[in-house]
Amino acid sequence: MADYPDVIVVGAGIVGASTAYFLAKRGVAVTLIDAETPGWGASGRNPGFQWLHTRKAGLQMAIGLAGRKLSDQLAAELEGWDFRPSGGMFYFFDPALEVLFKNFVTERQAAGLPMEYLDAKQALEKCPILAPNVVGATYNPLDAHQHTRKHCEALAEGARRHGARLLMGERVEALIVEAGRCRGVRMASGTQLADRVVLACGTWTPALLQAHGVTIPITPMRLQVVETEPAPFRFEPLLYGPTAVKQYAFFRDIDGYTEEGSTHALEKTFPGIEFLELAVQRRDGRVLLGCPMDFPGLDDRPTVGGIAMTLAALADALPAIKTLAIERVWGGLLPQTPDALPILSDVPAITGLTINAGHVFGNLAGPLSGKIIAQHLTGESTDLDMGLFALDRPTLRANNDEHRRW
């Protein structure tokens, strides 16, 4: 067996669990540590979209396509995470947006997606629960859905089967750094030592680094989700709605862009909340609705304004959901970087410490990042150049005080 370093991975979300899984498959002695359980944080609280539909052309798209391909591999290796290659639709109701969405299809095809435009009749055939006044939609067959918490559990269990040690319910309070080298981590229950530590704890990553003079521009973005009872109807594709148009910088540059038709009245009623309009049905029939976005720091509680906006906008777009009972609401904190790309990097000032964090599109990029870090630590060629995700890249230095369009 190769002489690989012992590795501690901090965080058992999709990024950390994937890192542990791919390291353990390579014969590395891995300890995966989390303060709660696999997928407890942002991973288990997002709606499970593998959404290539709006990944920006270039590196974002390359990560997305590679991550989507990796999901097919993981679907064959791991069971029980409800992976479903369902395709995705982006619908709209205002005729003023028709030119924009048709131009969007052309741009997406040039970016490498097999996108198609659907007129009103085709949109309703693809998704009959849309309101009958739908004007059109775009459709991407590569979009997929997963139950992300179950995915984290499957990855962590896969890592365990390959020899990894899982320490759940153990909060890492500090890094152990001596003479410029990371020796391990300190928890309330004691210390854990290793040759290498990988920080993969999303929005909680900066706090562990600050004590050692390392600052990284990751800020928390709160997303809120509503979950209904199992519905008596079924719809297959992942759904995006017109208010989401505003969240993407490249969308604003496409001919035909207008905020008319892509702004819901409640967005003005609840200032400070942006709305990423989406819906999806899980395999068990439950419908997930979201996602209002704001930036309250490390506060993951859902709010009246966020839930009100979600229910009002989506009840208009999807009338069939109006009679469904609500079973749960929740919030989650996604890590945001200035350029919407993750940080995959050794820490120059601290030997033995690696960052794998900042995944605002973690369902696609998380497992791929875990594989890349595993390749890096075992001396293999990496699937993508890690230099593109380095801690010192110029695009990471931008002011991160406000939300940037993806």
Protein backbone atom coordinates (compact mmCIF):
# COMPACT_ATOMS: atom_id res chain seq x y z
CA MET A 1 0.00 0.00 0.00
CA ALA A 2 1.25 3.49 -0.80
CA ASP A 3 2.61 5.55 2.09
CA TYR A 4 -0.15 8.15 2.29
CA PRO A 5 -0.60 10.66 5.15
CA ASP A 6 -3.23 10.20 7.84
CA VAL A 7 -5.98 12.75 7.14
CA ILE A 8 -8.64 14.41 9.28
CA VAL A 9 -11.60 15.81 7.35
CA VAL A 10 -13.62 18.40 9.28
CA GLY A 11 -17.24 18.55 8.15
CA ALA A 12 -19.53 15.76 6.92
CA GLY A 13 -21.60 17.70 4.45
CA ILE A 14 -21.45 16.75 0.78
CA VAL A 15 -17.96 18.26 0.41
CA GLY A 16 -16.38 16.66 3.46
CA ALA A 17 -18.15 13.32 3.11
CA SER A 18 -17.02 13.14 -0.53
CA THR A 19 -13.46 13.99 0.44
CA ALA A 20 -13.43 11.22 3.04
CA TYR A 21 -15.01 8.77 0.60
CA PHE A 22 -12.50 9.32 -2.19
CA LEU A 23 -9.55 9.31 0.23
CA ALA A 24 -10.69 6.10 1.89
CA LYS A 25 -11.16 4.42 -1.51
CA ARG A 26 -7.47 5.18 -2.14
CA GLY A 27 -6.39 3.46 1.05
CA VAL A 28 -5.81 6.62 3.08
CA ALA A 29 -6.38 6.46 6.84
CA VAL A 30 -9.19 9.01 7.24
CA THR A 31 -11.07 10.39 10.21
CA LEU A 32 -14.27 12.26 9.32
CA ILE A 33 -15.46 14.61 12.08
CA ASP A 34 -18.71 16.57 12.35
CA ALA A 35 -20.44 18.42 15.16
CA GLU A 36 -23.75 16.83 14.20
CA THR A 37 -24.49 14.12 11.62
CA PRO A 38 -23.75 13.73 7.89
CA GLY A 39 -25.64 16.35 5.91
CA TRP A 40 -26.94 18.20 8.97
CA GLY A 41 -26.00 21.67 7.71
CA ALA A 42 -26.34 23.31 4.30
CA SER A 43 -26.16 20.00 2.44
CA GLY A 44 -29.19 18.53 4.15
CA ARG A 45 -31.20 21.75 3.93
CA ASN A 46 -31.02 22.55 0.23
CA PRO A 47 -33.69 21.32 -2.22
CA GLY A 48 -31.31 18.87 -3.92
CA PHE A 49 -30.90 20.53 -7.33
CA GLN A 50 -28.10 19.42 -9.61
CA TRP A 51 -28.76 22.50 -11.72
CA LEU A 52 -26.64 22.95 -14.83
CA HIS A 53 -29.31 25.14 -16.41
CA THR A 54 -27.76 28.43 -15.30
CA ARG A 55 -24.09 27.63 -14.74
CA LYS A 56 -22.04 30.37 -16.35
CA ALA A 57 -20.09 29.40 -19.49
CA GLY A 58 -16.47 28.58 -18.76
CA LEU A 59 -15.15 27.21 -15.46
CA GLN A 60 -18.56 27.11 -13.72
CA MET A 61 -19.95 25.04 -16.56
CA ALA A 62 -16.89 22.79 -16.69
CA ILE A 63 -17.25 22.02 -12.98
CA GLY A 64 -20.97 21.39 -13.41
CA LEU A 65 -20.61 19.01 -16.35
CA ALA A 66 -17.80 17.08 -14.65
CA GLY A 67 -19.79 16.92 -11.42
CA ARG A 68 -22.88 15.70 -13.25
CA LYS A 69 -20.85 12.94 -14.91
CA LEU A 70 -19.43 11.96 -11.52
CA SER A 71 -22.98 11.65 -10.16
CA ASP A 72 -23.71 8.90 -12.66
CA GLN A 73 -20.67 7.05 -11.31
CA LEU A 74 -21.71 7.57 -7.68
CA ALA A 75 -25.25 6.42 -8.46
CA ALA A 76 -23.74 3.07 -9.46
CA GLU A 77 -21.48 2.92 -6.38
CA LEU A 78 -23.78 4.20 -3.62
CA GLU A 79 -27.40 3.37 -2.85
CA GLY A 80 -30.25 5.18 -1.19
CA TRP A 81 -29.71 8.84 -2.11
CA ASP A 82 -32.64 9.11 -4.52
CA PHE A 83 -30.61 10.31 -7.49
CA ARG A 84 -33.00 11.10 -10.34
CA PRO A 85 -31.93 12.42 -13.79
CA SER A 86 -35.20 14.30 -14.11
CA GLY A 87 -34.27 17.24 -16.33
CA GLY A 88 -35.07 20.84 -15.45
CA MET A 89 -37.40 23.60 -16.67
CA PHE A 90 -37.20 27.40 -16.34
CA TYR A 91 -40.75 28.73 -16.87
CA PHE A 92 -42.13 32.25 -17.35
CA PHE A 93 -45.53 33.95 -17.64
CA ASP A 94 -44.85 37.41 -19.07
CA PRO A 95 -44.76 37.60 -22.90
CA ALA A 96 -42.15 40.35 -22.53
CA LEU A 97 -39.67 37.66 -21.47
CA GLU A 98 -40.10 35.45 -24.54
CA VAL A 99 -37.25 37.05 -26.50
CA LEU A 100 -34.95 36.78 -23.49
CA PHE A 101 -35.63 33.09 -22.95
CA LYS A 102 -35.21 32.24 -26.62
CA ASN A 103 -31.87 34.06 -26.65
CA PHE A 104 -31.01 32.28 -23.39
CA VAL A 105 -31.44 28.92 -25.16
CA THR A 106 -29.02 29.99 -27.89
CA GLU A 107 -26.47 31.11 -25.30
CA ARG A 108 -26.85 27.88 -23.34
CA GLN A 109 -26.36 25.72 -26.41
CA ALA A 110 -23.15 27.63 -27.15
CA ALA A 111 -22.08 27.00 -23.53
CA GLY A 112 -22.40 23.24 -24.02
CA LEU A 113 -25.90 22.32 -22.86
CA PRO A 114 -28.50 20.41 -24.95
CA MET A 115 -31.06 23.09 -24.11
CA GLU A 116 -34.38 23.50 -25.91
CA TYR A 117 -37.14 26.09 -25.90
CA LEU A 118 -40.70 24.97 -25.06
CA ASP A 119 -43.79 26.92 -26.07
CA ALA A 120 -46.83 27.04 -23.77
CA LYS A 121 -48.31 23.76 -25.00
CA GLN A 122 -44.98 21.91 -24.73
CA ALA A 123 -44.31 23.36 -21.27
CA LEU A 124 -47.67 22.12 -19.97
CA GLU A 125 -47.09 18.69 -21.53
CA LYS A 126 -43.71 18.48 -19.78
CA CYS A 127 -45.11 19.75 -16.46
CA PRO A 128 -48.94 19.72 -16.23
CA ILE A 129 -49.06 21.42 -12.81
CA LEU A 130 -47.83 24.74 -14.23
CA ALA A 131 -50.44 27.50 -14.29
CA PRO A 132 -52.30 27.46 -17.64
CA ASN A 133 -51.17 31.01 -18.46
CA VAL A 134 -47.54 29.90 -18.78
CA VAL A 135 -45.99 31.48 -21.89
CA GLY A 136 -43.00 29.19 -22.29
CA ALA A 137 -40.04 27.51 -20.68
CA THR A 138 -36.57 26.22 -21.33
CA TYR A 139 -35.66 22.56 -20.76
CA ASN A 140 -32.30 20.97 -20.00
CA PRO A 141 -32.28 17.14 -19.84
CA LEU A 142 -28.98 17.09 -17.89
CA ASP A 143 -30.41 18.68 -14.74
CA ALA A 144 -30.93 16.13 -11.98
CA HIS A 145 -32.28 15.76 -8.46
CA GLN A 146 -30.96 14.13 -5.32
CA HIS A 147 -31.81 13.85 -1.64
CA THR A 148 -28.64 15.56 -0.48
CA ARG A 149 -28.80 14.54 3.18
CA LYS A 150 -29.13 10.91 2.11
CA HIS A 151 -26.26 11.45 -0.33
CA CYS A 152 -24.05 12.63 2.55
CA GLU A 153 -25.06 9.61 4.61
CA ALA A 154 -24.28 7.28 1.70
CA LEU A 155 -20.87 8.90 1.12
CA ALA A 156 -19.99 8.74 4.82
CA GLU A 157 -21.08 5.10 5.01
CA GLY A 158 -19.09 4.37 1.86
CA ALA A 159 -16.03 5.95 3.44
CA ARG A 160 -16.56 3.86 6.57
CA ARG A 161 -16.79 0.66 4.51
CA HIS A 162 -13.43 1.56 2.97
CA GLY A 163 -11.88 1.96 6.41
CA ALA A 164 -12.57 5.55 7.42
CA ARG A 165 -13.31 6.40 11.04
CA LEU A 166 -16.42 8.53 11.66
CA LEU A 167 -16.63 10.82 14.68
CA MET A 168 -20.12 12.32 14.66
CA GLY A 169 -21.39 14.66 17.37
CA GLU A 170 -17.85 15.94 17.95
CA ARG A 171 -17.40 19.67 17.42
CA VAL A 172 -13.96 20.79 16.31
CA GLU A 173 -13.16 23.80 18.47
CA ALA A 174 -9.70 24.65 17.17
CA LEU A 175 -6.85 23.61 14.94
CA ILE A 176 -3.66 22.42 16.57
CA VAL A 177 -0.85 24.40 14.90
CA GLU A 178 2.74 24.13 16.11
CA ALA A 179 5.74 25.79 14.46
CA GLY A 180 3.75 26.60 11.35
CA ARG A 181 2.40 23.07 10.90
CA CYS A 182 -1.13 21.78 11.49
CA ARG A 183 -0.87 18.70 13.72
CA GLY A 184 -4.56 17.97 14.19
CA VAL A 185 -7.71 19.32 15.84
CA ARG A 186 -9.01 19.94 19.33
CA MET A 187 -12.52 18.91 20.34
CA ALA A 188 -14.35 19.15 23.65
CA SER A 189 -13.69 15.44 24.14
CA GLY A 190 -9.97 15.65 23.42
CA THR A 191 -7.53 15.96 20.56
CA GLN A 192 -7.20 14.10 17.28
CA LEU A 193 -3.81 14.15 15.54
CA ALA A 194 -2.98 13.55 11.89
CA ASP A 195 -0.46 14.39 9.19
CA ARG A 196 -2.99 16.46 7.26
CA VAL A 197 -6.23 18.31 8.06
CA VAL A 198 -8.84 19.20 5.42
CA LEU A 199 -11.33 21.90 6.37
CA ALA A 200 -14.62 21.17 4.62
CA CYS A 201 -17.12 22.82 6.95
CA GLY A 202 -18.69 25.40 4.67
CA THR A 203 -19.61 28.69 6.32
CA TRP A 204 -17.95 27.59 9.56
CA THR A 205 -14.52 27.26 7.87
CA PRO A 206 -13.41 30.91 8.33
CA ALA A 207 -13.85 30.78 12.11
CA LEU A 208 -11.35 27.93 12.47
CA LEU A 209 -8.78 29.82 10.38
CA GLN A 210 -9.11 33.26 11.93
CA ALA A 211 -7.29 32.26 15.12
CA HIS A 212 -4.22 31.56 12.99
CA GLY A 213 -4.27 34.80 11.03
CA VAL A 214 -5.80 33.32 7.89
CA THR A 215 -8.79 35.16 6.42
CA ILE A 216 -10.90 33.66 3.64
CA PRO A 217 -13.80 35.44 1.90
CA ILE A 218 -16.62 33.00 2.61
CA THR A 219 -19.88 34.51 3.84
CA PRO A 220 -23.16 32.76 4.72
CA MET A 221 -26.22 33.08 2.51
CA ARG A 222 -29.47 31.93 4.11
CA LEU A 223 -31.88 29.94 1.93
CA GLN A 224 -35.34 28.97 3.21
CA VAL A 225 -37.39 25.95 2.14
CA VAL A 226 -40.98 24.75 2.61
CA GLU A 227 -41.76 21.02 2.52
CA THR A 228 -45.30 19.78 1.90
CA GLU A 229 -47.03 16.49 2.55
CA PRO A 230 -46.82 13.85 -0.23
CA ALA A 231 -48.86 15.21 -3.14
CA PRO A 232 -51.58 13.21 -4.95
CA PHE A 233 -50.05 14.33 -8.26
CA ARG A 234 -46.62 13.83 -9.80
CA PHE A 235 -44.33 16.15 -11.76
CA GLU A 236 -40.91 15.11 -12.95
CA PRO A 237 -38.66 18.06 -13.87
CA LEU A 238 -36.94 20.42 -11.47
CA LEU A 239 -38.60 23.83 -11.77
CA TYR A 240 -37.16 27.33 -11.78
CA GLY A 241 -39.38 30.41 -11.99
CA PRO A 242 -38.92 33.87 -13.50
CA THR A 243 -37.87 35.70 -10.34
CA ALA A 244 -34.64 33.68 -10.46
CA VAL A 245 -33.57 35.46 -13.67
CA LYS A 246 -32.21 38.40 -11.68
CA GLN A 247 -29.74 36.27 -9.73
CA TYR A 248 -27.44 35.54 -12.68
CA ALA A 249 -25.07 38.17 -13.99
CA PHE A 250 -24.75 36.60 -17.44
CA PHE A 251 -28.56 36.43 -17.77
CA ARG A 252 -28.69 40.21 -17.36
CA ASP A 253 -26.35 40.58 -20.35
CA ILE A 254 -28.55 38.58 -22.75
CA ASP A 255 -30.56 40.57 -25.30
CA GLY A 256 -34.14 40.96 -24.13
CA TYR A 257 -33.38 41.14 -20.41
CA THR A 258 -35.92 43.08 -18.41
CA GLU A 259 -36.91 42.98 -14.76
CA GLU A 260 -40.55 43.25 -15.80
CA GLY A 261 -42.11 39.84 -15.45
CA SER A 262 -39.21 38.60 -13.34
CA THR A 263 -40.14 40.47 -10.16
CA HIS A 264 -42.90 39.36 -7.79
CA ALA A 265 -44.85 42.05 -5.95
CA LEU A 266 -43.81 40.61 -2.57
CA GLU A 267 -40.17 41.25 -3.36
CA LYS A 268 -40.98 44.93 -2.79
CA THR A 269 -43.04 44.15 0.31
CA PHE A 270 -40.12 42.35 1.96
CA PRO A 271 -36.99 44.40 1.14
CA GLY A 272 -33.69 42.69 1.84
CA ILE A 273 -34.93 39.30 0.60
CA GLU A 274 -33.98 38.05 -2.85
CA PHE A 275 -35.99 35.22 -4.35
CA LEU A 276 -34.64 32.16 -6.14
CA GLU A 277 -37.99 30.74 -7.26
CA LEU A 278 -37.93 26.95 -7.47
CA ALA A 279 -39.87 23.76 -6.78
CA VAL A 280 -39.20 20.04 -6.99
CA GLN A 281 -40.95 16.83 -6.01
CA ARG A 282 -39.01 14.19 -4.12
CA ARG A 283 -39.36 10.51 -4.84
CA ASP A 284 -41.64 10.15 -1.79
CA GLY A 285 -44.11 12.67 -3.28
CA ARG A 286 -43.27 15.59 -1.00
CA VAL A 287 -42.85 18.94 -2.73
CA LEU A 288 -40.02 21.32 -1.80
CA LEU A 289 -40.60 25.03 -2.39
CA GLY A 290 -38.07 27.85 -2.18
CA CYS A 291 -35.91 29.78 -1.92
CA PRO A 292 -35.82 33.26 -0.39
CA MET A 293 -32.25 34.42 0.14
CA ASP A 294 -30.77 36.88 2.60
CA PHE A 295 -27.58 37.44 4.59
CA PRO A 296 -28.17 37.43 8.38
CA GLY A 297 -24.80 35.96 9.36
CA LEU A 298 -24.87 32.55 11.03
CA ASP A 299 -28.62 32.64 11.66
CA ASP A 300 -30.35 29.72 9.92
CA ARG A 301 -33.91 30.31 11.21
CA PRO A 302 -36.70 30.67 8.60
CA THR A 303 -38.60 33.96 8.59
CA VAL A 304 -42.21 35.07 8.09
CA GLY A 305 -41.26 37.23 5.10
CA GLY A 306 -39.27 34.50 3.39
CA ILE A 307 -41.94 31.84 3.78
CA ALA A 308 -44.73 34.25 2.78
CA MET A 309 -42.93 35.13 -0.44
CA THR A 310 -42.28 31.47 -1.24
CA LEU A 311 -45.88 30.39 -0.76
CA ALA A 312 -47.43 33.34 -2.58
CA ALA A 313 -45.21 33.20 -5.66
CA LEU A 314 -45.32 29.44 -6.10
CA ALA A 315 -49.04 29.09 -5.41
CA ASP A 316 -49.55 31.42 -8.37
CA ALA A 317 -47.16 29.47 -10.61
CA LEU A 318 -48.25 25.99 -9.49
CA PRO A 319 -51.96 26.16 -8.49
CA ALA A 320 -52.12 22.44 -7.67
CA ILE A 321 -50.00 22.96 -4.54
CA LYS A 322 -52.54 25.26 -2.85
CA THR A 323 -54.37 22.50 -0.98
CA LEU A 324 -51.25 20.64 0.20
CA ALA A 325 -50.51 20.60 3.91
CA ILE A 326 -47.17 22.02 5.01
CA GLU A 327 -45.12 19.58 7.06
CA ARG A 328 -41.86 21.48 7.66
CA VAL A 329 -40.04 24.75 7.02
CA TRP A 330 -36.35 25.36 7.53
CA GLY A 331 -33.39 27.55 6.68
CA GLY A 332 -29.85 26.66 5.72
CA LEU A 333 -26.60 28.59 5.27
CA LEU A 334 -24.82 28.29 1.94
CA PRO A 335 -21.19 29.46 1.71
CA GLN A 336 -20.70 32.30 -0.79
CA THR A 337 -17.40 33.44 -2.33
CA PRO A 338 -16.95 36.61 -4.42
CA ASP A 339 -16.57 34.66 -7.68
CA ALA A 340 -19.03 31.83 -6.85
CA LEU A 341 -16.23 29.26 -7.09
CA PRO A 342 -15.01 27.01 -4.25
CA ILE A 343 -11.63 27.24 -2.56
CA LEU A 344 -9.56 24.07 -3.09
CA SER A 345 -6.17 24.98 -1.74
CA ASP A 346 -3.39 24.21 0.66
CA VAL A 347 -2.84 27.03 3.15
CA PRO A 348 0.58 28.49 2.33
CA ALA A 349 1.22 29.77 5.85
CA ILE A 350 0.33 26.48 7.57
CA THR A 351 1.87 23.23 6.38
CA GLY A 352 -0.46 20.24 6.45
CA LEU A 353 -3.67 22.25 6.18
CA THR A 354 -5.97 22.17 3.14
CA ILE A 355 -9.23 24.04 2.45
CA ASN A 356 -12.15 22.49 0.55
CA ALA A 357 -14.95 25.00 1.10
CA GLY A 358 -17.03 27.80 -0.40
CA HIS A 359 -19.38 25.70 -2.55
CA VAL A 360 -22.45 27.75 -3.41
CA PHE A 361 -23.27 25.05 -6.03
CA GLY A 362 -22.27 22.15 -3.81
CA ASN A 363 -24.57 19.43 -5.14
CA LEU A 364 -22.63 19.39 -8.41
CA ALA A 365 -19.24 20.70 -7.31
CA GLY A 366 -18.98 19.05 -3.87
CA PRO A 367 -18.26 15.42 -4.85
CA LEU A 368 -15.94 16.55 -7.64
CA SER A 369 -14.03 18.75 -5.17
CA GLY A 370 -13.73 15.83 -2.77
CA LYS A 371 -12.27 13.70 -5.54
CA ILE A 372 -9.83 16.46 -6.57
CA ILE A 373 -8.58 16.91 -3.00
CA ALA A 374 -8.14 13.14 -2.67
CA GLN A 375 -6.16 13.09 -5.90
CA HIS A 376 -4.03 16.00 -4.70
CA LEU A 377 -3.21 14.44 -1.33
CA THR A 378 -2.26 11.11 -2.92
CA GLY A 379 -0.04 12.67 -5.58
CA GLU A 380 -2.29 11.98 -8.57
CA SER A 381 -3.09 14.29 -11.45
CA THR A 382 -6.27 16.16 -10.56
CA ASP A 383 -9.40 16.15 -12.73
CA LEU A 384 -9.28 19.96 -12.82
CA ASP A 385 -6.33 22.26 -12.18
CA MET A 386 -6.36 23.16 -8.49
CA GLY A 387 -4.67 26.44 -9.30
CA LEU A 388 -7.99 27.67 -10.66
CA PHE A 389 -9.43 27.39 -7.13
CA ALA A 390 -6.41 28.63 -5.18
CA LEU A 391 -6.66 30.78 -2.08
CA ASP A 392 -4.63 33.54 -3.76
CA ARG A 393 -6.57 33.73 -7.05
CA PRO A 394 -7.34 37.34 -8.06
CA THR A 395 -11.11 36.82 -8.37
CA LEU A 396 -11.29 35.81 -4.71
CA ARG A 397 -9.95 39.16 -3.52
CA ALA A 398 -13.03 41.20 -4.44
CA ASN A 399 -14.98 42.93 -1.70
CA ASN A 400 -17.42 40.35 -0.33
CA ASP A 401 -19.70 42.63 1.66
CA GLU A 402 -22.69 42.16 -0.64
CA HIS A 403 -24.37 39.46 -2.67
CA ARG A 404 -22.96 39.10 -6.15
CA ARG A 405 -24.95 37.80 -9.07
CA TRP A 406 -23.79 34.37 -10.09
